[in-house]
Structures are given as structure tokens and as C-alpha cells.
Amino acid sequence: MEVIHHESHPDHPLVLKSYDKLYTCDGCKEFGFGSTCRCEKCDFDLHEECAHADQFTSHDFFKNATFEFLTKPPGLRKRLCDGCGREVKGFVYHCKELGWDLHPCCHSLPSKVEFDYVEFRLRDRVTPINMGFVSLTEQEVQLHNWCLTIERERERESQRGVCRVEREARNTLQDFGSGLLE
């Protein structure tokens, strides 16, 4: 059992655990599923990527950019993640020089994944504004970053099925009244 002391939650330690339902990360304010650094007393959760963020980092798709970890988006205007295209509401990696932003989970996406013996590679600008995964088969298949995040957590729990994951994510998000996957 990993115990974490994090500056964003100084009153109690966080415990790394597997969580079998969707949660909202109290750091980046994005949904999560599976592993979380959690305080049961306060119902406080951080993605592992948010709990273990580096102060400075880079990303292969953003050449010559240095990203700094911030606990809130800079400035007063609405900011969008240059990885997924969704609004940045909390923890963020920000490149001051070039104005780019990445959610910690988007920053940590692997360069390739495999589902049911099909390899997907992370590609820049799969849609006009964000990164995504594209299969290397004859059929072009795209995989949402958010679905991949859920599937990575489910895979850790030895469960499989990209289609099932997206269907379950859509149903759960509809229950929350959100259209994140539309």
C-alpha cells in the first residue's frame, strides 16, 4: 500500500488504491477510473499522473517546448488542453513561451498501445485540435484519449474490450449530464 503526502491535500495522506467507479480528480478536475491516490475521509482523489507530476517536462509532439506543472491554469481566459481539446480546469502542464497546455493524463499517454492484437499509435492532430490513437491496420480506427485512459485502468484489472469501454463511458457520462465524448 503506497502512502503519498501531497501538497494539494495537506491534512491527510493519500493512499494509492484501485477504485471501481468513475471519480473526478481533485487536481486536474478530469474524470478517472481505476487507480487513484485517495483520501477516504475527505472523498479526495488524484490521478497517479497528477500526484506524481514533474515540475518541468517535455512531450514528443511539442518540439522545443518545456512544460511547467501548475496547480491552476495561468491567466484569466479559458484554456484548452492541446492534447484532448477539453477545457483545463485544474492541474496543468503549461509552456509559457508557446502558450501550450496539457492535462497531466494527456501528457502521460503512451506512444503506442495494443488492443485485441491491433496496434494503435498516438498521432498528433487526429482531429483538428487534438491527439488521438490511430490503428496501423488497413482500416483506420480512431480511439479517444479518454477511452484509452479508462481501458488502461481496466486492463490493470485484467478486463478487456475497447467497444465496451466506450459504451460504458458514454452511459456513465450521460448519467452525469456531460457530453465529453460527443
Protein backbone atom coordinates (compact mmCIF):
# COMPACT_ATOMS: atom_id res chain seq x y z
CA MET A 1 0.00 0.00 0.00
CA GLU A 2 1.62 3.22 -1.22
CA VAL A 3 1.03 6.26 1.01
CA ILE A 4 1.50 9.70 -0.55
CA HIS A 5 1.76 13.08 1.12
CA HIS A 6 0.70 15.70 -1.39
CA GLU A 7 0.72 19.50 -1.05
CA SER A 8 -2.74 19.78 -2.61
CA HIS A 9 -4.19 17.79 0.33
CA PRO A 10 -2.01 18.55 3.38
CA ASP A 11 -4.44 17.41 6.10
CA HIS A 12 -4.30 13.67 5.41
CA PRO A 13 -2.12 11.23 3.49
CA LEU A 14 -3.38 9.77 0.21
CA VAL A 15 -3.38 6.03 -0.39
CA LEU A 16 -2.86 4.54 -3.85
CA LYS A 17 -5.74 2.18 -4.48
CA SER A 18 -7.86 0.64 -7.19
CA TYR A 19 -11.25 2.33 -7.34
CA ASP A 20 -14.05 0.53 -9.17
CA LYS A 21 -16.10 3.55 -10.22
CA LEU A 22 -15.62 6.84 -12.00
CA TYR A 23 -14.25 9.68 -9.92
CA THR A 24 -13.31 13.28 -10.56
CA CYS A 25 -9.67 14.05 -9.92
CA ASP A 26 -9.43 16.91 -7.43
CA GLY A 27 -6.21 18.04 -9.13
CA CYS A 28 -6.94 18.35 -12.86
CA LYS A 29 -10.75 18.12 -12.46
CA GLU A 30 -10.96 15.38 -15.15
CA PHE A 31 -12.70 12.02 -14.77
CA GLY A 32 -10.71 9.00 -13.72
CA PHE A 33 -11.28 5.30 -13.29
CA GLY A 34 -9.23 2.60 -11.59
CA SER A 35 -6.06 3.69 -9.81
CA THR A 36 -6.39 6.77 -7.64
CA CYS A 37 -4.45 8.39 -4.83
CA ARG A 38 -7.34 8.70 -2.39
CA CYS A 39 -8.28 10.12 0.99
CA GLU A 40 -11.39 8.27 2.14
CA LYS A 41 -12.01 10.75 4.98
CA CYS A 42 -12.35 13.69 2.59
CA ASP A 43 -13.50 11.89 -0.58
CA PHE A 44 -10.40 13.38 -2.26
CA ASP A 45 -8.84 11.77 -5.37
CA LEU A 46 -5.81 12.43 -7.57
CA HIS A 47 -4.86 10.57 -10.74
CA GLU A 48 -1.45 8.96 -10.31
CA GLU A 49 -0.22 11.34 -13.04
CA CYS A 50 -1.42 14.32 -11.01
CA ALA A 51 0.01 13.02 -7.73
CA HIS A 52 3.44 12.34 -9.25
CA ALA A 53 3.74 15.26 -11.69
CA ASP A 54 7.22 16.51 -12.61
CA GLN A 55 7.88 20.22 -12.10
CA PHE A 56 9.23 20.51 -15.67
CA THR A 57 8.73 18.15 -18.61
CA SER A 58 8.56 17.90 -22.39
CA HIS A 59 6.48 15.99 -24.96
CA ASP A 60 7.44 14.48 -28.32
CA PHE A 61 4.61 16.25 -30.18
CA PHE A 62 5.64 19.67 -28.91
CA LYS A 63 9.23 20.04 -30.06
CA ASN A 64 11.42 22.59 -28.31
CA ALA A 65 8.76 23.19 -25.64
CA THR A 66 9.31 22.99 -21.91
CA PHE A 67 6.18 22.49 -19.86
CA GLU A 68 5.92 23.60 -16.25
CA PHE A 69 3.49 21.95 -13.84
CA LEU A 70 0.94 24.41 -12.44
CA THR A 71 -1.83 23.77 -9.91
CA LYS A 72 -4.23 26.00 -11.84
CA PRO A 73 -4.40 27.32 -15.40
CA PRO A 74 -2.47 30.56 -15.98
CA GLY A 75 -4.24 33.82 -16.73
CA LEU A 76 -7.90 34.65 -16.72
CA ARG A 77 -9.07 33.32 -20.08
CA LYS A 78 -10.43 29.83 -20.71
CA ARG A 79 -7.63 27.41 -21.67
CA LEU A 80 -7.92 24.20 -23.70
CA CYS A 81 -5.69 21.15 -23.49
CA ASP A 82 -3.63 20.87 -26.67
CA GLY A 83 -3.80 17.09 -26.27
CA CYS A 84 -7.51 16.34 -25.96
CA GLY A 85 -9.12 19.69 -26.74
CA ARG A 86 -11.09 19.84 -23.48
CA GLU A 87 -11.02 22.75 -21.06
CA VAL A 88 -8.22 22.92 -18.49
CA LYS A 89 -9.81 23.43 -15.07
CA GLY A 90 -7.08 22.42 -12.63
CA PHE A 91 -3.58 20.90 -12.65
CA VAL A 92 -1.88 21.51 -15.99
CA TYR A 93 1.44 21.35 -17.76
CA HIS A 94 1.92 24.79 -19.35
CA CYS A 95 4.51 26.04 -21.83
CA LYS A 96 4.77 29.75 -21.09
CA GLU A 97 6.87 30.53 -24.16
CA LEU A 98 4.49 28.93 -26.70
CA GLY A 99 1.19 29.03 -24.77
CA TRP A 100 0.54 25.27 -24.92
CA ASP A 101 -1.30 23.34 -22.22
CA LEU A 102 -1.61 19.61 -21.44
CA HIS A 103 -3.63 17.80 -18.80
CA PRO A 104 -1.25 15.58 -16.81
CA CYS A 105 -3.06 12.47 -18.11
CA CYS A 106 -2.78 13.65 -21.72
CA HIS A 107 0.92 14.32 -21.21
CA SER A 108 1.46 10.76 -19.98
CA LEU A 109 -0.27 8.92 -22.86
CA PRO A 110 1.97 6.14 -24.23
CA SER A 111 3.23 6.38 -27.82
CA LYS A 112 1.57 3.06 -28.69
CA VAL A 113 -0.96 0.64 -27.24
CA GLU A 114 -2.32 -2.75 -28.29
CA PHE A 115 -5.91 -3.98 -28.01
CA ASP A 116 -7.01 -7.39 -29.24
CA TYR A 117 -3.77 -7.75 -31.23
CA VAL A 118 -4.27 -4.42 -33.05
CA GLU A 119 -1.58 -1.81 -32.51
CA PHE A 120 -2.57 1.83 -32.15
CA ARG A 121 -0.08 4.68 -32.29
CA LEU A 122 -0.52 8.11 -30.76
CA ARG A 123 -0.80 10.69 -33.52
CA ASP A 124 -0.86 14.45 -33.44
CA ARG A 125 -3.91 16.21 -34.85
CA VAL A 126 -6.13 13.16 -35.34
CA THR A 127 -8.94 15.67 -35.12
CA PRO A 128 -8.29 19.31 -35.97
CA ILE A 129 -7.29 20.21 -32.42
CA ASN A 130 -6.07 17.15 -30.57
CA MET A 131 -4.04 13.97 -30.28
CA GLY A 132 -5.56 10.52 -30.61
CA PHE A 133 -4.77 6.93 -31.38
CA VAL A 134 -4.93 5.51 -34.91
CA SER A 135 -4.68 1.81 -35.76
CA LEU A 136 -1.95 0.55 -38.07
CA THR A 137 -4.29 -1.85 -39.87
CA GLU A 138 -5.86 -1.47 -43.31
CA GLN A 139 -8.91 0.04 -41.65
CA GLU A 140 -8.36 3.38 -39.99
CA VAL A 141 -9.77 3.20 -36.49
CA GLN A 142 -9.53 6.02 -34.00
CA LEU A 143 -9.59 5.69 -30.24
CA HIS A 144 -10.50 8.57 -27.93
CA ASN A 145 -7.81 9.54 -25.42
CA TRP A 146 -10.45 9.36 -22.68
CA CYS A 147 -11.44 5.80 -23.67
CA LEU A 148 -7.79 4.81 -23.62
CA THR A 149 -7.43 6.17 -20.08
CA ILE A 150 -10.35 4.03 -18.93
CA GLU A 151 -9.08 0.99 -20.84
CA ARG A 152 -5.58 1.32 -19.36
CA GLU A 153 -7.11 1.25 -15.89
CA ARG A 154 -9.40 -1.65 -16.77
CA GLU A 155 -6.50 -3.55 -18.29
CA ARG A 156 -4.70 -3.23 -14.98
CA GLU A 157 -7.71 -5.03 -13.54
CA SER A 158 -7.44 -7.70 -16.30
CA GLN A 159 -10.59 -6.61 -18.12
CA ARG A 160 -10.63 -6.00 -21.89
CA GLY A 161 -12.86 -4.50 -24.60
CA VAL A 162 -12.48 -1.09 -26.21
CA CYS A 163 -16.04 -1.02 -27.58
CA ARG A 164 -17.48 -1.96 -24.18
CA VAL A 165 -15.36 0.70 -22.51
CA GLU A 166 -16.58 3.48 -24.79
CA ARG A 167 -20.19 2.31 -24.42
CA GLU A 168 -19.90 2.22 -20.61
CA ALA A 169 -18.14 5.59 -20.54
CA ARG A 170 -20.89 7.17 -22.67
CA ASN A 171 -23.61 5.72 -20.42
CA THR A 172 -21.86 6.87 -17.26
CA LEU A 173 -21.18 10.36 -18.61
CA GLN A 174 -24.78 10.68 -19.76
CA ASP A 175 -25.78 9.93 -16.17
CA PHE A 176 -23.61 12.90 -15.17
CA GLY A 177 -25.18 15.02 -17.91
CA SER A 178 -21.86 15.55 -19.67
CA GLY A 179 -21.12 15.32 -23.39
CA LEU A 180 -17.36 14.84 -23.18
CA LEU A 181 -17.30 12.02 -25.73
CA GLU A 182 -19.58 13.61 -28.31
